N, C-alpha and C. Protein backbone atom coordinates (compact mmCIF):
# COMPACT_ATOMS: atom_id res chain seq x y z
N MET A 1 -9.96 7.59 -11.56
CA MET A 1 -8.85 7.39 -10.64
C MET A 1 -8.76 5.91 -10.31
N HIS A 2 -7.65 5.30 -10.62
CA HIS A 2 -7.50 3.86 -10.39
C HIS A 2 -6.42 3.62 -9.33
N ILE A 3 -6.79 2.90 -8.28
CA ILE A 3 -5.84 2.47 -7.26
C ILE A 3 -5.74 0.96 -7.33
N ALA A 4 -4.53 0.45 -7.55
CA ALA A 4 -4.30 -0.99 -7.65
C ALA A 4 -3.58 -1.49 -6.41
N ILE A 5 -4.04 -2.61 -5.88
CA ILE A 5 -3.39 -3.24 -4.73
C ILE A 5 -2.73 -4.52 -5.23
N LEU A 6 -1.41 -4.50 -5.35
CA LEU A 6 -0.69 -5.67 -5.85
C LEU A 6 -0.79 -6.80 -4.82
N THR A 7 -1.27 -7.94 -5.28
CA THR A 7 -1.58 -9.06 -4.40
C THR A 7 -1.08 -10.34 -5.05
N PHE A 8 -0.15 -11.00 -4.38
CA PHE A 8 0.50 -12.19 -4.94
C PHE A 8 0.09 -13.43 -4.15
N ASP A 9 0.39 -14.61 -4.70
CA ASP A 9 0.14 -15.85 -3.96
C ASP A 9 0.81 -15.77 -2.59
N GLY A 10 0.10 -16.31 -1.59
CA GLY A 10 0.61 -16.26 -0.22
C GLY A 10 0.32 -14.94 0.46
N PHE A 11 -0.57 -14.12 -0.14
CA PHE A 11 -0.80 -12.76 0.38
C PHE A 11 -1.42 -12.77 1.77
N ASN A 12 -1.16 -11.70 2.49
CA ASN A 12 -1.74 -11.47 3.81
C ASN A 12 -3.09 -10.77 3.61
N GLU A 13 -4.16 -11.41 4.04
CA GLU A 13 -5.50 -10.86 3.83
C GLU A 13 -5.67 -9.48 4.46
N LEU A 14 -5.10 -9.29 5.64
CA LEU A 14 -5.27 -8.01 6.33
C LEU A 14 -4.66 -6.86 5.52
N ASP A 15 -3.52 -7.11 4.93
CA ASP A 15 -2.84 -6.04 4.19
C ASP A 15 -3.64 -5.62 2.96
N SER A 16 -4.02 -6.57 2.15
CA SER A 16 -4.71 -6.23 0.90
C SER A 16 -6.15 -5.81 1.14
N LEU A 17 -6.88 -6.52 2.01
CA LEU A 17 -8.31 -6.31 2.08
C LEU A 17 -8.73 -5.17 3.00
N ILE A 18 -7.94 -4.87 4.04
CA ILE A 18 -8.26 -3.68 4.84
C ILE A 18 -8.10 -2.44 3.98
N ALA A 19 -7.01 -2.36 3.25
CA ALA A 19 -6.80 -1.21 2.35
C ALA A 19 -7.91 -1.14 1.32
N LEU A 20 -8.29 -2.28 0.75
CA LEU A 20 -9.36 -2.32 -0.25
C LEU A 20 -10.66 -1.77 0.33
N GLY A 21 -11.01 -2.20 1.53
CA GLY A 21 -12.25 -1.77 2.15
C GLY A 21 -12.28 -0.28 2.45
N ILE A 22 -11.18 0.24 2.99
CA ILE A 22 -11.14 1.67 3.33
C ILE A 22 -11.14 2.51 2.06
N LEU A 23 -10.33 2.14 1.10
CA LEU A 23 -10.25 2.91 -0.14
C LEU A 23 -11.59 2.95 -0.86
N ASN A 24 -12.37 1.91 -0.74
CA ASN A 24 -13.67 1.88 -1.41
C ASN A 24 -14.75 2.67 -0.69
N ARG A 25 -14.40 3.32 0.41
CA ARG A 25 -15.34 4.23 1.06
C ARG A 25 -15.48 5.53 0.26
N VAL A 26 -14.57 5.79 -0.64
CA VAL A 26 -14.71 6.94 -1.54
C VAL A 26 -15.70 6.54 -2.62
N LYS A 27 -16.81 7.25 -2.67
CA LYS A 27 -17.87 6.90 -3.61
C LYS A 27 -17.95 7.96 -4.71
N LYS A 28 -17.18 7.73 -5.75
CA LYS A 28 -17.19 8.62 -6.91
C LYS A 28 -17.22 7.76 -8.17
N PRO A 29 -17.88 8.23 -9.22
CA PRO A 29 -17.99 7.42 -10.44
C PRO A 29 -16.66 7.01 -11.04
N ASP A 30 -15.66 7.87 -10.90
CA ASP A 30 -14.37 7.57 -11.54
C ASP A 30 -13.36 6.94 -10.59
N TRP A 31 -13.81 6.55 -9.40
CA TRP A 31 -12.92 5.98 -8.37
C TRP A 31 -12.97 4.46 -8.46
N ARG A 32 -11.85 3.83 -8.74
CA ARG A 32 -11.79 2.38 -8.90
C ARG A 32 -10.65 1.82 -8.09
N VAL A 33 -10.93 0.81 -7.28
CA VAL A 33 -9.90 0.14 -6.48
C VAL A 33 -9.88 -1.33 -6.90
N SER A 34 -8.70 -1.84 -7.25
CA SER A 34 -8.60 -3.18 -7.80
C SER A 34 -7.55 -4.02 -7.08
N ILE A 35 -7.85 -5.30 -6.94
CA ILE A 35 -6.84 -6.28 -6.59
C ILE A 35 -6.13 -6.65 -7.90
N ALA A 36 -4.85 -6.36 -7.97
CA ALA A 36 -4.07 -6.62 -9.20
C ALA A 36 -3.08 -7.74 -8.94
N SER A 37 -3.08 -8.74 -9.80
CA SER A 37 -2.27 -9.93 -9.58
C SER A 37 -1.66 -10.43 -10.89
N PRO A 38 -0.60 -11.22 -10.78
CA PRO A 38 0.04 -11.75 -11.99
C PRO A 38 -0.73 -12.91 -12.61
N THR A 39 -1.68 -13.47 -11.88
CA THR A 39 -2.48 -14.59 -12.36
C THR A 39 -3.96 -14.29 -12.13
N ALA A 40 -4.83 -15.07 -12.75
CA ALA A 40 -6.27 -14.82 -12.64
C ALA A 40 -6.78 -15.00 -11.22
N ARG A 41 -6.15 -15.89 -10.46
CA ARG A 41 -6.54 -16.13 -9.07
C ARG A 41 -5.28 -16.21 -8.21
N VAL A 42 -5.41 -15.75 -6.99
CA VAL A 42 -4.31 -15.86 -6.03
C VAL A 42 -4.87 -16.43 -4.73
N ARG A 43 -4.02 -17.22 -4.05
CA ARG A 43 -4.42 -17.85 -2.79
C ARG A 43 -3.66 -17.20 -1.64
N SER A 44 -4.37 -16.87 -0.58
CA SER A 44 -3.76 -16.20 0.56
C SER A 44 -2.97 -17.16 1.43
N MET A 45 -2.27 -16.61 2.41
CA MET A 45 -1.51 -17.40 3.35
C MET A 45 -2.40 -18.32 4.18
N ASN A 46 -3.70 -18.01 4.25
CA ASN A 46 -4.65 -18.83 4.99
C ASN A 46 -5.63 -19.56 4.09
N GLY A 47 -5.33 -19.62 2.79
CA GLY A 47 -6.12 -20.43 1.88
C GLY A 47 -7.30 -19.74 1.22
N ILE A 48 -7.45 -18.42 1.42
CA ILE A 48 -8.54 -17.69 0.76
C ILE A 48 -8.15 -17.41 -0.69
N VAL A 49 -9.05 -17.71 -1.63
CA VAL A 49 -8.77 -17.50 -3.04
C VAL A 49 -9.50 -16.26 -3.53
N LEU A 50 -8.76 -15.36 -4.16
CA LEU A 50 -9.34 -14.15 -4.74
C LEU A 50 -9.17 -14.17 -6.25
N GLU A 51 -10.14 -13.62 -6.94
CA GLU A 51 -10.01 -13.41 -8.37
C GLU A 51 -9.42 -12.03 -8.61
N ALA A 52 -8.42 -11.95 -9.45
CA ALA A 52 -7.81 -10.66 -9.77
C ALA A 52 -8.81 -9.78 -10.50
N GLN A 53 -8.78 -8.50 -10.19
CA GLN A 53 -9.62 -7.52 -10.87
C GLN A 53 -8.84 -6.70 -11.89
N ALA A 54 -7.51 -6.82 -11.84
CA ALA A 54 -6.66 -6.07 -12.77
C ALA A 54 -5.37 -6.85 -12.97
N SER A 55 -4.73 -6.61 -14.10
CA SER A 55 -3.45 -7.24 -14.41
C SER A 55 -2.31 -6.37 -13.88
N LEU A 56 -1.10 -6.90 -13.93
CA LEU A 56 0.05 -6.11 -13.54
C LEU A 56 0.27 -4.95 -14.52
N ARG A 57 -0.08 -5.16 -15.78
CA ARG A 57 0.04 -4.07 -16.76
C ARG A 57 -0.90 -2.92 -16.39
N GLU A 58 -2.13 -3.25 -16.01
CA GLU A 58 -3.08 -2.22 -15.60
C GLU A 58 -2.59 -1.51 -14.34
N ALA A 59 -2.03 -2.28 -13.42
CA ALA A 59 -1.49 -1.68 -12.19
C ALA A 59 -0.37 -0.71 -12.50
N SER A 60 0.46 -1.04 -13.46
CA SER A 60 1.58 -0.17 -13.82
C SER A 60 1.11 1.15 -14.40
N ALA A 61 -0.14 1.19 -14.88
CA ALA A 61 -0.69 2.43 -15.42
C ALA A 61 -1.61 3.14 -14.44
N ALA A 62 -1.79 2.57 -13.23
CA ALA A 62 -2.72 3.13 -12.25
C ALA A 62 -2.22 4.45 -11.68
N ASP A 63 -3.15 5.20 -11.10
CA ASP A 63 -2.79 6.47 -10.46
C ASP A 63 -2.07 6.24 -9.13
N ALA A 64 -2.41 5.15 -8.48
CA ALA A 64 -1.77 4.79 -7.21
C ALA A 64 -1.67 3.28 -7.12
N VAL A 65 -0.58 2.81 -6.51
CA VAL A 65 -0.35 1.38 -6.36
C VAL A 65 0.10 1.10 -4.93
N ILE A 66 -0.58 0.16 -4.29
CA ILE A 66 -0.14 -0.34 -2.99
C ILE A 66 0.36 -1.77 -3.20
N VAL A 67 1.57 -2.04 -2.74
CA VAL A 67 2.14 -3.38 -2.85
C VAL A 67 1.86 -4.12 -1.55
N GLY A 68 1.00 -5.12 -1.62
CA GLY A 68 0.67 -5.88 -0.43
C GLY A 68 1.78 -6.84 -0.05
N SER A 69 1.63 -7.47 1.10
CA SER A 69 2.67 -8.39 1.55
C SER A 69 2.16 -9.81 1.58
N GLY A 70 3.05 -10.74 1.91
CA GLY A 70 2.64 -12.13 1.98
C GLY A 70 3.82 -13.03 2.26
N MET A 71 3.54 -14.32 2.34
CA MET A 71 4.55 -15.29 2.72
C MET A 71 5.53 -15.61 1.60
N GLN A 72 5.19 -15.22 0.36
CA GLN A 72 6.03 -15.58 -0.76
C GLN A 72 6.71 -14.38 -1.41
N THR A 73 6.86 -13.31 -0.68
CA THR A 73 7.43 -12.09 -1.27
C THR A 73 8.87 -12.31 -1.73
N ARG A 74 9.65 -13.08 -0.99
CA ARG A 74 11.03 -13.32 -1.44
C ARG A 74 11.06 -14.09 -2.76
N GLU A 75 10.07 -14.97 -2.96
CA GLU A 75 9.98 -15.65 -4.25
C GLU A 75 9.58 -14.66 -5.34
N VAL A 76 8.71 -13.73 -5.00
CA VAL A 76 8.28 -12.71 -5.97
C VAL A 76 9.48 -11.88 -6.44
N VAL A 77 10.27 -11.38 -5.50
CA VAL A 77 11.39 -10.52 -5.89
C VAL A 77 12.51 -11.29 -6.58
N ALA A 78 12.52 -12.62 -6.41
CA ALA A 78 13.52 -13.44 -7.10
C ALA A 78 13.09 -13.82 -8.51
N ASP A 79 11.85 -13.52 -8.86
CA ASP A 79 11.31 -13.85 -10.18
C ASP A 79 11.53 -12.66 -11.11
N ALA A 80 12.59 -12.72 -11.89
CA ALA A 80 12.96 -11.58 -12.74
C ALA A 80 11.88 -11.25 -13.76
N ALA A 81 11.24 -12.25 -14.32
CA ALA A 81 10.21 -12.01 -15.33
C ALA A 81 9.01 -11.30 -14.71
N LEU A 82 8.62 -11.70 -13.51
CA LEU A 82 7.50 -11.05 -12.82
C LEU A 82 7.86 -9.61 -12.45
N MET A 83 9.03 -9.44 -11.88
CA MET A 83 9.44 -8.09 -11.45
C MET A 83 9.54 -7.13 -12.65
N ALA A 84 9.92 -7.66 -13.81
CA ALA A 84 10.04 -6.82 -15.00
C ALA A 84 8.69 -6.28 -15.45
N GLN A 85 7.61 -6.93 -15.03
CA GLN A 85 6.26 -6.46 -15.38
C GLN A 85 5.82 -5.28 -14.53
N LEU A 86 6.51 -5.04 -13.43
CA LEU A 86 6.12 -3.97 -12.50
C LEU A 86 6.80 -2.66 -12.92
N ARG A 87 6.17 -1.96 -13.81
CA ARG A 87 6.72 -0.71 -14.33
C ARG A 87 6.14 0.46 -13.52
N LEU A 88 6.59 0.55 -12.28
CA LEU A 88 6.08 1.56 -11.37
C LEU A 88 6.97 2.80 -11.42
N ASP A 89 6.36 3.97 -11.23
CA ASP A 89 7.10 5.22 -11.41
C ASP A 89 6.54 6.29 -10.48
N PRO A 90 7.26 6.63 -9.41
CA PRO A 90 6.75 7.63 -8.47
C PRO A 90 6.64 9.05 -9.04
N SER A 91 7.16 9.28 -10.22
CA SER A 91 6.99 10.61 -10.83
C SER A 91 5.59 10.79 -11.39
N ARG A 92 4.86 9.68 -11.58
CA ARG A 92 3.50 9.78 -12.12
C ARG A 92 2.47 9.00 -11.31
N GLN A 93 2.91 8.31 -10.27
CA GLN A 93 2.02 7.49 -9.45
C GLN A 93 2.32 7.70 -7.97
N LEU A 94 1.29 7.49 -7.14
CA LEU A 94 1.53 7.29 -5.72
C LEU A 94 1.89 5.82 -5.53
N LEU A 95 2.93 5.55 -4.76
CA LEU A 95 3.34 4.18 -4.49
C LEU A 95 3.37 3.94 -3.00
N GLY A 96 2.71 2.88 -2.57
CA GLY A 96 2.74 2.51 -1.17
C GLY A 96 3.10 1.04 -1.05
N ALA A 97 3.69 0.67 0.08
CA ALA A 97 4.04 -0.73 0.31
C ALA A 97 3.73 -1.09 1.75
N GLN A 98 3.20 -2.30 1.90
CA GLN A 98 2.80 -2.80 3.20
C GLN A 98 3.70 -3.96 3.61
N CYS A 99 4.37 -3.86 4.74
CA CYS A 99 5.18 -4.95 5.29
C CYS A 99 6.17 -5.49 4.25
N SER A 100 6.04 -6.75 3.82
CA SER A 100 7.03 -7.27 2.89
C SER A 100 6.91 -6.66 1.51
N GLY A 101 5.82 -5.94 1.24
CA GLY A 101 5.73 -5.18 0.00
C GLY A 101 6.85 -4.15 -0.11
N THR A 102 7.36 -3.71 1.04
CA THR A 102 8.49 -2.78 1.06
C THR A 102 9.71 -3.40 0.39
N LEU A 103 9.86 -4.71 0.54
CA LEU A 103 10.98 -5.40 -0.11
C LEU A 103 10.86 -5.32 -1.63
N VAL A 104 9.64 -5.37 -2.14
CA VAL A 104 9.43 -5.25 -3.58
C VAL A 104 9.89 -3.88 -4.07
N LEU A 105 9.46 -2.82 -3.38
CA LEU A 105 9.89 -1.47 -3.78
C LEU A 105 11.40 -1.32 -3.66
N ALA A 106 11.97 -1.92 -2.62
CA ALA A 106 13.43 -1.83 -2.44
C ALA A 106 14.15 -2.50 -3.60
N LYS A 107 13.70 -3.70 -3.99
CA LYS A 107 14.35 -4.43 -5.07
C LYS A 107 14.15 -3.75 -6.42
N LEU A 108 13.06 -2.98 -6.56
CA LEU A 108 12.82 -2.23 -7.79
C LEU A 108 13.59 -0.91 -7.80
N GLY A 109 14.28 -0.60 -6.71
CA GLY A 109 15.05 0.64 -6.63
C GLY A 109 14.20 1.88 -6.50
N LEU A 110 13.02 1.74 -5.88
CA LEU A 110 12.08 2.86 -5.83
C LEU A 110 12.04 3.57 -4.48
N LEU A 111 12.88 3.17 -3.55
CA LEU A 111 12.88 3.83 -2.25
C LEU A 111 13.87 4.98 -2.18
N GLY A 112 14.64 5.16 -3.22
CA GLY A 112 15.48 6.35 -3.33
C GLY A 112 16.47 6.56 -2.22
N GLY A 113 16.90 5.48 -1.59
CA GLY A 113 17.90 5.62 -0.54
C GLY A 113 17.38 6.16 0.77
N VAL A 114 16.04 6.28 0.92
CA VAL A 114 15.47 6.80 2.16
C VAL A 114 15.04 5.64 3.05
N ALA A 115 14.89 5.91 4.33
CA ALA A 115 14.46 4.88 5.28
C ALA A 115 13.00 4.53 5.03
N ALA A 116 12.62 3.31 5.42
CA ALA A 116 11.27 2.82 5.15
C ALA A 116 10.72 2.08 6.36
N CYS A 117 9.44 1.74 6.29
CA CYS A 117 8.80 0.93 7.32
C CYS A 117 8.46 -0.44 6.76
N THR A 118 8.53 -1.44 7.62
CA THR A 118 8.14 -2.80 7.24
C THR A 118 7.84 -3.56 8.52
N ASP A 119 7.46 -4.82 8.40
CA ASP A 119 7.20 -5.64 9.58
C ASP A 119 8.50 -6.21 10.12
N LEU A 120 8.44 -6.77 11.30
CA LEU A 120 9.66 -7.25 11.96
C LEU A 120 10.28 -8.45 11.24
N THR A 121 9.45 -9.30 10.63
CA THR A 121 9.98 -10.45 9.91
C THR A 121 10.77 -10.01 8.68
N THR A 122 10.24 -9.02 7.97
CA THR A 122 10.85 -8.57 6.71
C THR A 122 12.03 -7.64 6.94
N LYS A 123 12.11 -7.05 8.11
CA LYS A 123 13.13 -6.03 8.39
C LYS A 123 14.54 -6.44 7.94
N PRO A 124 15.06 -7.62 8.30
CA PRO A 124 16.43 -7.95 7.88
C PRO A 124 16.59 -8.07 6.38
N TRP A 125 15.55 -8.49 5.67
CA TRP A 125 15.64 -8.61 4.21
C TRP A 125 15.68 -7.23 3.56
N VAL A 126 14.88 -6.30 4.08
CA VAL A 126 14.88 -4.93 3.56
C VAL A 126 16.23 -4.27 3.83
N GLU A 127 16.75 -4.49 5.04
CA GLU A 127 18.06 -3.93 5.37
C GLU A 127 19.15 -4.52 4.48
N ALA A 128 19.03 -5.82 4.19
CA ALA A 128 20.01 -6.45 3.31
C ALA A 128 19.94 -5.89 1.89
N ALA A 129 18.79 -5.33 1.54
CA ALA A 129 18.62 -4.71 0.22
C ALA A 129 19.13 -3.27 0.21
N GLY A 130 19.70 -2.84 1.35
CA GLY A 130 20.31 -1.52 1.41
C GLY A 130 19.41 -0.41 1.89
N VAL A 131 18.29 -0.76 2.51
CA VAL A 131 17.33 0.25 2.97
C VAL A 131 17.25 0.21 4.49
N ALA A 132 17.42 1.36 5.12
CA ALA A 132 17.29 1.45 6.58
C ALA A 132 15.82 1.33 6.96
N VAL A 133 15.54 0.66 8.07
CA VAL A 133 14.16 0.44 8.51
C VAL A 133 13.89 1.26 9.77
N LEU A 134 12.78 1.99 9.75
CA LEU A 134 12.38 2.83 10.87
C LEU A 134 11.52 2.04 11.86
N ASN A 135 11.59 2.41 13.12
CA ASN A 135 10.76 1.79 14.15
C ASN A 135 9.48 2.62 14.32
N GLN A 136 8.66 2.62 13.30
CA GLN A 136 7.39 3.35 13.31
C GLN A 136 6.46 2.71 12.29
N PRO A 137 5.15 3.00 12.38
CA PRO A 137 4.20 2.29 11.52
C PRO A 137 4.07 2.83 10.11
N PHE A 138 4.45 4.08 9.88
CA PHE A 138 4.21 4.69 8.57
C PHE A 138 5.21 5.79 8.31
N VAL A 139 5.62 5.88 7.05
CA VAL A 139 6.47 6.99 6.63
C VAL A 139 6.20 7.25 5.15
N ALA A 140 6.33 8.49 4.74
CA ALA A 140 6.18 8.82 3.32
C ALA A 140 7.14 9.94 2.97
N LYS A 141 7.62 9.89 1.76
CA LYS A 141 8.42 10.98 1.22
C LYS A 141 8.01 11.16 -0.23
N GLY A 142 7.53 12.34 -0.55
CA GLY A 142 7.06 12.58 -1.90
C GLY A 142 5.90 11.66 -2.22
N ASN A 143 6.02 10.91 -3.29
CA ASN A 143 4.94 10.03 -3.74
C ASN A 143 5.11 8.58 -3.32
N VAL A 144 6.01 8.32 -2.36
CA VAL A 144 6.26 6.94 -1.94
C VAL A 144 6.04 6.82 -0.42
N ALA A 145 5.24 5.82 -0.04
CA ALA A 145 4.97 5.58 1.37
C ALA A 145 5.15 4.11 1.70
N THR A 146 5.55 3.83 2.93
CA THR A 146 5.66 2.45 3.39
C THR A 146 5.05 2.33 4.78
N ALA A 147 4.56 1.13 5.10
CA ALA A 147 3.94 0.90 6.40
C ALA A 147 4.39 -0.44 6.94
N GLY A 148 4.45 -0.55 8.27
CA GLY A 148 4.88 -1.77 8.92
C GLY A 148 3.86 -2.26 9.92
N GLY A 149 3.50 -3.52 9.83
CA GLY A 149 2.49 -4.11 10.70
C GLY A 149 1.17 -4.19 9.95
N CYS A 150 0.50 -5.34 10.03
CA CYS A 150 -0.71 -5.57 9.23
C CYS A 150 -1.74 -4.44 9.35
N LEU A 151 -2.02 -4.02 10.57
CA LEU A 151 -3.05 -3.02 10.76
C LEU A 151 -2.61 -1.61 10.38
N ALA A 152 -1.34 -1.44 10.03
CA ALA A 152 -0.88 -0.15 9.51
C ALA A 152 -1.38 0.08 8.09
N SER A 153 -2.03 -0.93 7.49
CA SER A 153 -2.61 -0.73 6.16
C SER A 153 -3.63 0.39 6.16
N GLN A 154 -4.25 0.66 7.32
CA GLN A 154 -5.19 1.77 7.40
C GLN A 154 -4.48 3.11 7.15
N TYR A 155 -3.21 3.21 7.52
CA TYR A 155 -2.49 4.46 7.30
C TYR A 155 -2.14 4.65 5.83
N LEU A 156 -1.79 3.55 5.15
CA LEU A 156 -1.56 3.65 3.71
C LEU A 156 -2.82 4.10 2.99
N ALA A 157 -3.96 3.50 3.35
CA ALA A 157 -5.22 3.88 2.70
C ALA A 157 -5.56 5.33 3.00
N THR A 158 -5.36 5.76 4.24
CA THR A 158 -5.63 7.16 4.60
C THR A 158 -4.75 8.10 3.79
N TRP A 159 -3.49 7.76 3.65
CA TRP A 159 -2.55 8.60 2.89
C TRP A 159 -2.96 8.69 1.42
N VAL A 160 -3.31 7.56 0.83
CA VAL A 160 -3.71 7.57 -0.58
C VAL A 160 -4.94 8.44 -0.79
N ILE A 161 -5.95 8.28 0.07
CA ILE A 161 -7.16 9.09 -0.08
C ILE A 161 -6.85 10.56 0.12
N ALA A 162 -6.05 10.88 1.14
CA ALA A 162 -5.70 12.28 1.40
C ALA A 162 -4.99 12.90 0.21
N ARG A 163 -4.09 12.15 -0.41
CA ARG A 163 -3.36 12.67 -1.56
C ARG A 163 -4.23 12.82 -2.80
N LEU A 164 -5.18 11.89 -2.98
CA LEU A 164 -5.98 11.90 -4.21
C LEU A 164 -7.28 12.67 -4.08
N GLU A 165 -7.85 12.70 -2.86
CA GLU A 165 -9.17 13.33 -2.69
C GLU A 165 -9.21 14.39 -1.60
N GLY A 166 -8.15 14.48 -0.82
CA GLY A 166 -8.11 15.50 0.21
C GLY A 166 -8.27 14.93 1.61
N ILE A 167 -7.87 15.72 2.59
CA ILE A 167 -7.85 15.27 3.99
C ILE A 167 -9.25 14.95 4.50
N GLU A 168 -10.24 15.75 4.15
CA GLU A 168 -11.58 15.48 4.66
C GLU A 168 -12.14 14.17 4.14
N ALA A 169 -11.83 13.82 2.91
CA ALA A 169 -12.25 12.53 2.38
C ALA A 169 -11.58 11.39 3.14
N ALA A 170 -10.32 11.57 3.51
CA ALA A 170 -9.60 10.56 4.28
C ALA A 170 -10.21 10.41 5.67
N ARG A 171 -10.51 11.53 6.30
CA ARG A 171 -11.15 11.48 7.62
C ARG A 171 -12.49 10.75 7.55
N SER A 172 -13.26 11.06 6.53
CA SER A 172 -14.58 10.47 6.38
C SER A 172 -14.49 8.95 6.19
N ALA A 173 -13.55 8.51 5.38
CA ALA A 173 -13.39 7.07 5.15
C ALA A 173 -13.01 6.35 6.43
N MET A 174 -12.07 6.91 7.18
CA MET A 174 -11.65 6.28 8.43
C MET A 174 -12.77 6.32 9.46
N HIS A 175 -13.52 7.40 9.50
CA HIS A 175 -14.62 7.51 10.46
C HIS A 175 -15.66 6.43 10.20
N TYR A 176 -15.92 6.14 8.94
CA TYR A 176 -16.92 5.13 8.60
C TYR A 176 -16.52 3.74 9.10
N VAL A 177 -15.26 3.37 8.92
CA VAL A 177 -14.84 1.99 9.25
C VAL A 177 -14.45 1.81 10.71
N ALA A 178 -14.22 2.89 11.44
CA ALA A 178 -13.75 2.79 12.82
C ALA A 178 -14.85 2.24 13.73
N PRO A 179 -14.48 1.60 14.83
CA PRO A 179 -15.46 1.05 15.76
C PRO A 179 -16.34 2.13 16.39
N VAL A 180 -17.56 1.76 16.69
CA VAL A 180 -18.49 2.66 17.36
C VAL A 180 -17.92 3.08 18.72
N ARG A 181 -18.08 4.35 19.04
CA ARG A 181 -17.59 4.98 20.26
C ARG A 181 -16.07 5.14 20.29
N GLU A 182 -15.39 4.70 19.23
CA GLU A 182 -13.95 4.89 19.13
C GLU A 182 -13.58 5.63 17.85
N LYS A 183 -14.59 6.12 17.16
CA LYS A 183 -14.36 6.72 15.85
C LYS A 183 -13.41 7.91 15.91
N ASP A 184 -13.65 8.81 16.85
CA ASP A 184 -12.79 9.99 16.93
C ASP A 184 -11.34 9.60 17.24
N ASP A 185 -11.18 8.59 18.11
CA ASP A 185 -9.82 8.14 18.44
C ASP A 185 -9.12 7.54 17.22
N TYR A 186 -9.84 6.74 16.46
CA TYR A 186 -9.25 6.10 15.29
C TYR A 186 -8.87 7.14 14.22
N VAL A 187 -9.78 8.08 13.99
CA VAL A 187 -9.50 9.11 12.99
C VAL A 187 -8.31 9.95 13.43
N ALA A 188 -8.27 10.32 14.70
CA ALA A 188 -7.16 11.14 15.20
C ALA A 188 -5.84 10.39 15.07
N ARG A 189 -5.84 9.10 15.39
CA ARG A 189 -4.61 8.32 15.29
C ARG A 189 -4.13 8.22 13.84
N ALA A 190 -5.06 7.96 12.95
CA ALA A 190 -4.69 7.87 11.53
C ALA A 190 -4.11 9.18 11.03
N MET A 191 -4.77 10.28 11.36
CA MET A 191 -4.29 11.57 10.87
C MET A 191 -2.98 11.97 11.54
N ARG A 192 -2.79 11.56 12.80
CA ARG A 192 -1.54 11.86 13.49
C ARG A 192 -0.36 11.16 12.82
N ASN A 193 -0.60 9.96 12.31
CA ASN A 193 0.47 9.23 11.64
C ASN A 193 0.72 9.70 10.22
N VAL A 194 -0.32 10.18 9.55
CA VAL A 194 -0.22 10.50 8.13
C VAL A 194 0.04 11.98 7.85
N THR A 195 -0.62 12.87 8.60
CA THR A 195 -0.57 14.30 8.29
C THR A 195 0.84 14.88 8.20
N PRO A 196 1.77 14.51 9.07
CA PRO A 196 3.13 15.09 8.95
C PRO A 196 3.77 14.83 7.59
N PHE A 197 3.34 13.75 6.92
CA PHE A 197 3.94 13.41 5.63
C PHE A 197 3.15 13.96 4.45
N LEU A 198 2.10 14.70 4.76
CA LEU A 198 1.36 15.38 3.70
C LEU A 198 1.87 16.79 3.48
N GLU A 199 2.51 17.34 4.48
CA GLU A 199 3.01 18.71 4.39
C GLU A 199 4.06 18.82 3.30
N GLY A 200 3.83 19.74 2.39
CA GLY A 200 4.77 19.94 1.30
C GLY A 200 4.53 19.04 0.11
N SER A 201 3.57 18.09 0.24
CA SER A 201 3.27 17.19 -0.88
C SER A 201 2.33 17.90 -1.85
N THR A 202 2.50 17.64 -3.11
CA THR A 202 1.61 18.20 -4.11
C THR A 202 0.38 17.32 -4.23
N PRO A 203 -0.82 17.85 -3.96
CA PRO A 203 -2.03 17.03 -4.07
C PRO A 203 -2.17 16.51 -5.50
N MET A 204 -2.55 15.24 -5.61
CA MET A 204 -2.74 14.65 -6.94
C MET A 204 -4.23 14.58 -7.21
N LEU A 205 -4.91 15.73 -7.08
CA LEU A 205 -6.37 15.77 -7.24
C LEU A 205 -6.73 15.89 -8.70
């Protein structure tokens, strides 16, 4: 099972790395979580340099893809050659987007005319792309989910784990990373945001 987190230059560390950390709480031999980028190295909005673990081609073949956000997302969506490499397909993949990553899915035509979540800065750009923006941290329909606000990346990770490994695996991952003495509250909040969008979904186990 391969989960790719699309991470571009100017990326927001919270979006890509919180999801990476939570998703890696699943300890199975066939479970792989990768930072996928168009170049060998990418630099964050605060100057942190990461080495890519997967290419965009590998991400396009992954079981699940989360599109991270960053300061250069508008440049990303304006780059036709780069966007053409993103062969994402919700009929065979789980797709999630964090904050300005929602703009990437919108420009790829993958939101299917449904409302989405994003951050307040990106909201007007997503709306200009023809997608209504919800005033909530997380939403999912079928195999596509979006989240708004850096710390909402925990909900994307919870949703991906729940869809791929089941609800108890998602609870366990969130319980591990949550603060001491607040674990039950964190798990309950995550499941409260995600569970309504699991109903009627076909598990991709």
